Structure formats: C-alpha cells, structure tokens
Amino acid sequence: MNPLKTIPLGMSNFQIKEPWWKEHAVGLAERDMLEDRLTVEILHERKDGTRTFPGKYWIPKDVALKCPVDWRKGVKLHVVPITSLKEVSDD
C-alpha cells in the first residue's frame, strides 16, 4: 500500500494507479478531500490494456471519512472499499 499511488487532481478528484488488492479498496488522503463529493478514477490496466475498473466513480466525503484509517509516510489515508464507490453516470 503506497500513498504515492493516490494522486489528487484539482479539488477532490483522485486518480488511483493501483488499488489495494488485499483490501479490495483505494486509499484516499484526507488532506485532499476538499469537496463534499469525491471523484475517483482507478487507472489500473489488465495485460490486454483494458482497465480493471473502467469509468469514474464517486463517494460522498462524509462516507469516506467514516472508512478505516491507515497512515502511510505521514499521510492519513481512508481505506475506501471499491464496493462503496458509485459509478458516475453520463447524464
């Protein structure tokens, strides 16, 4: 689990290079949760080049803050289960 794999983009948008497989979760830095709605994109690709988790997802900040905490390199991360993420619709 490496906090450097979580890269915030702008305000409360996260790009995750690789999820935490053992926990089936992503780590979101509390310091980067600046809005009430957090947007998450998981960039991990399978060997054939397709994304393991295609699309973008979101989670309310208050829900993410209730997830378990893990400290990595002095960064407070909330371990958010992938199943808690909701897919962003195109409408």
C-alpha atoms as a PDB file:
ATOM      1  CA  MET A   1       0.000   0.000   0.000  1.00  0.00           C
ATOM      2  CA  ASN A   2       1.638   3.161  -1.182  1.00  0.00           C
ATOM      3  CA  PRO A   3       0.076   6.609  -0.700  1.00  0.00           C
ATOM      4  CA  LEU A   4       2.033   7.842  -3.690  1.00  0.00           C
ATOM      5  CA  LYS A   5      -0.251   5.720  -5.865  1.00  0.00           C
ATOM      6  CA  THR A   6      -3.086   8.117  -4.986  1.00  0.00           C
ATOM      7  CA  ILE A   7      -2.715  11.352  -6.928  1.00  0.00           C
ATOM      8  CA  PRO A   8      -5.234  14.142  -6.268  1.00  0.00           C
ATOM      9  CA  LEU A   9      -6.194  16.119  -9.360  1.00  0.00           C
ATOM     10  CA  GLY A  10      -7.566  19.542  -8.572  1.00  0.00           C
ATOM     11  CA  MET A  11     -10.314  19.647  -5.994  1.00  0.00           C
ATOM     12  CA  SER A  12     -11.268  16.253  -4.592  1.00  0.00           C
ATOM     13  CA  ASN A  13     -10.573  14.328  -7.787  1.00  0.00           C
ATOM     14  CA  PHE A  14      -8.368  11.280  -7.312  1.00  0.00           C
ATOM     15  CA  GLN A  15      -6.589   9.129  -9.879  1.00  0.00           C
ATOM     16  CA  ILE A  16      -5.569   5.771  -8.426  1.00  0.00           C
ATOM     17  CA  LYS A  17      -2.753   3.987 -10.255  1.00  0.00           C
ATOM     18  CA  GLU A  18      -3.433   0.703  -8.481  1.00  0.00           C
ATOM     19  CA  PRO A  19      -5.995  -0.307  -5.845  1.00  0.00           C
ATOM     20  CA  TRP A  20      -5.095  -2.045  -2.623  1.00  0.00           C
ATOM     21  CA  TRP A  21      -5.789  -5.594  -3.764  1.00  0.00           C
ATOM     22  CA  LYS A  22      -5.773  -7.325  -0.370  1.00  0.00           C
ATOM     23  CA  GLU A  23      -8.389  -4.908   0.994  1.00  0.00           C
ATOM     24  CA  HIS A  24     -10.161  -4.514  -2.387  1.00  0.00           C
ATOM     25  CA  ALA A  25     -10.046  -0.794  -1.639  1.00  0.00           C
ATOM     26  CA  VAL A  26      -8.444   2.518  -2.530  1.00  0.00           C
ATOM     27  CA  GLY A  27      -6.597   4.864  -0.191  1.00  0.00           C
ATOM     28  CA  LEU A  28      -7.800   8.474  -0.247  1.00  0.00           C
ATOM     29  CA  ALA A  29      -5.783  11.160   1.541  1.00  0.00           C
ATOM     30  CA  GLU A  30      -7.935  13.096   3.983  1.00  0.00           C
ATOM     31  CA  ARG A  31      -5.956  16.279   3.339  1.00  0.00           C
ATOM     32  CA  ASP A  32      -7.106  16.216  -0.305  1.00  0.00           C
ATOM     33  CA  MET A  33     -10.821  15.783   0.451  1.00  0.00           C
ATOM     34  CA  LEU A  34     -11.823  19.375  -0.257  1.00  0.00           C
ATOM     35  CA  GLU A  35     -15.390  18.970  -1.509  1.00  0.00           C
ATOM     36  CA  ASP A  36     -18.477  17.085  -0.330  1.00  0.00           C
ATOM     37  CA  ARG A  37     -18.310  14.756  -3.350  1.00  0.00           C
ATOM     38  CA  LEU A  38     -15.079  12.880  -4.109  1.00  0.00           C
ATOM     39  CA  THR A  39     -14.427  11.633  -7.622  1.00  0.00           C
ATOM     40  CA  VAL A  40     -12.227   8.552  -8.077  1.00  0.00           C
ATOM     41  CA  GLU A  41     -10.742   7.050 -11.231  1.00  0.00           C
ATOM     42  CA  ILE A  42      -8.839   3.740 -10.999  1.00  0.00           C
ATOM     43  CA  LEU A  43      -6.229   3.589 -13.772  1.00  0.00           C
ATOM     44  CA  HIS A  44      -5.014   0.007 -13.304  1.00  0.00           C
ATOM     45  CA  GLU A  45      -4.949  -1.977 -16.567  1.00  0.00           C
ATOM     46  CA  ARG A  46      -5.059  -5.695 -17.279  1.00  0.00           C
ATOM     47  CA  LYS A  47      -2.424  -7.300 -19.507  1.00  0.00           C
ATOM     48  CA  ASP A  48      -4.652  -6.748 -22.553  1.00  0.00           C
ATOM     49  CA  GLY A  49      -4.695  -2.986 -21.876  1.00  0.00           C
ATOM     50  CA  THR A  50      -8.286  -2.713 -20.664  1.00  0.00           C
ATOM     51  CA  ARG A  51      -8.984  -1.093 -17.326  1.00  0.00           C
ATOM     52  CA  THR A  52      -9.793  -3.353 -14.426  1.00  0.00           C
ATOM     53  CA  PHE A  53     -12.289  -0.764 -13.150  1.00  0.00           C
ATOM     54  CA  PRO A  54     -13.432   1.271 -16.171  1.00  0.00           C
ATOM     55  CA  GLY A  55     -15.178   4.584 -15.757  1.00  0.00           C
ATOM     56  CA  LYS A  56     -15.208   7.131 -12.977  1.00  0.00           C
ATOM     57  CA  TYR A  57     -16.662   6.688  -9.528  1.00  0.00           C
ATOM     58  CA  TRP A  58     -17.721   8.942  -6.676  1.00  0.00           C
ATOM     59  CA  ILE A  59     -18.355   8.759  -2.959  1.00  0.00           C
ATOM     60  CA  PRO A  60     -19.703  11.338  -0.504  1.00  0.00           C
ATOM     61  CA  LYS A  61     -16.940  12.824   1.634  1.00  0.00           C
ATOM     62  CA  ASP A  62     -18.788  12.051   4.874  1.00  0.00           C
ATOM     63  CA  VAL A  63     -18.950   8.350   3.927  1.00  0.00           C
ATOM     64  CA  ALA A  64     -15.241   8.241   3.006  1.00  0.00           C
ATOM     65  CA  LEU A  65     -14.319   9.859   6.326  1.00  0.00           C
ATOM     66  CA  LYS A  66     -16.055   7.005   8.183  1.00  0.00           C
ATOM     67  CA  CYS A  67     -13.835   4.389   6.484  1.00  0.00           C
ATOM     68  CA  PRO A  68     -10.867   2.892   8.381  1.00  0.00           C
ATOM     69  CA  VAL A  69      -7.702   4.973   8.591  1.00  0.00           C
ATOM     70  CA  ASP A  70      -4.191   3.915   7.575  1.00  0.00           C
ATOM     71  CA  TRP A  71      -1.151   6.157   7.982  1.00  0.00           C
ATOM     72  CA  ARG A  72       1.492   5.958   5.235  1.00  0.00           C
ATOM     73  CA  LYS A  73       4.565   8.188   5.176  1.00  0.00           C
ATOM     74  CA  GLY A  74       2.823  10.672   7.461  1.00  0.00           C
ATOM     75  CA  VAL A  75      -0.296  10.843   5.285  1.00  0.00           C
ATOM     76  CA  LYS A  76      -3.692   9.974   6.779  1.00  0.00           C
ATOM     77  CA  LEU A  77      -5.461   7.735   4.263  1.00  0.00           C
ATOM     78  CA  HIS A  78      -9.017   6.473   4.452  1.00  0.00           C
ATOM     79  CA  VAL A  79      -9.287   2.917   3.128  1.00  0.00           C
ATOM     80  CA  VAL A  80     -12.419   3.073   0.971  1.00  0.00           C
ATOM     81  CA  PRO A  81     -13.817  -0.266  -0.272  1.00  0.00           C
ATOM     82  CA  ILE A  82     -14.275  -0.280  -4.030  1.00  0.00           C
ATOM     83  CA  THR A  83     -17.803  -1.616  -3.488  1.00  0.00           C
ATOM     84  CA  SER A  84     -18.640   1.681  -1.695  1.00  0.00           C
ATOM     85  CA  LEU A  85     -17.859   3.709  -4.826  1.00  0.00           C
ATOM     86  CA  LYS A  86     -20.767   4.674  -7.081  1.00  0.00           C
ATOM     87  CA  GLU A  87     -20.327   4.907 -10.837  1.00  0.00           C
ATOM     88  CA  VAL A  88     -20.581   8.405 -12.305  1.00  0.00           C
ATOM     89  CA  SER A  89     -23.388   8.463 -14.849  1.00  0.00           C
ATOM     90  CA  ASP A  90     -23.051  10.274 -18.173  1.00  0.00           C
ATOM     91  CA  ASP A  91     -26.342  12.156 -17.824  1.00  0.00           C
END
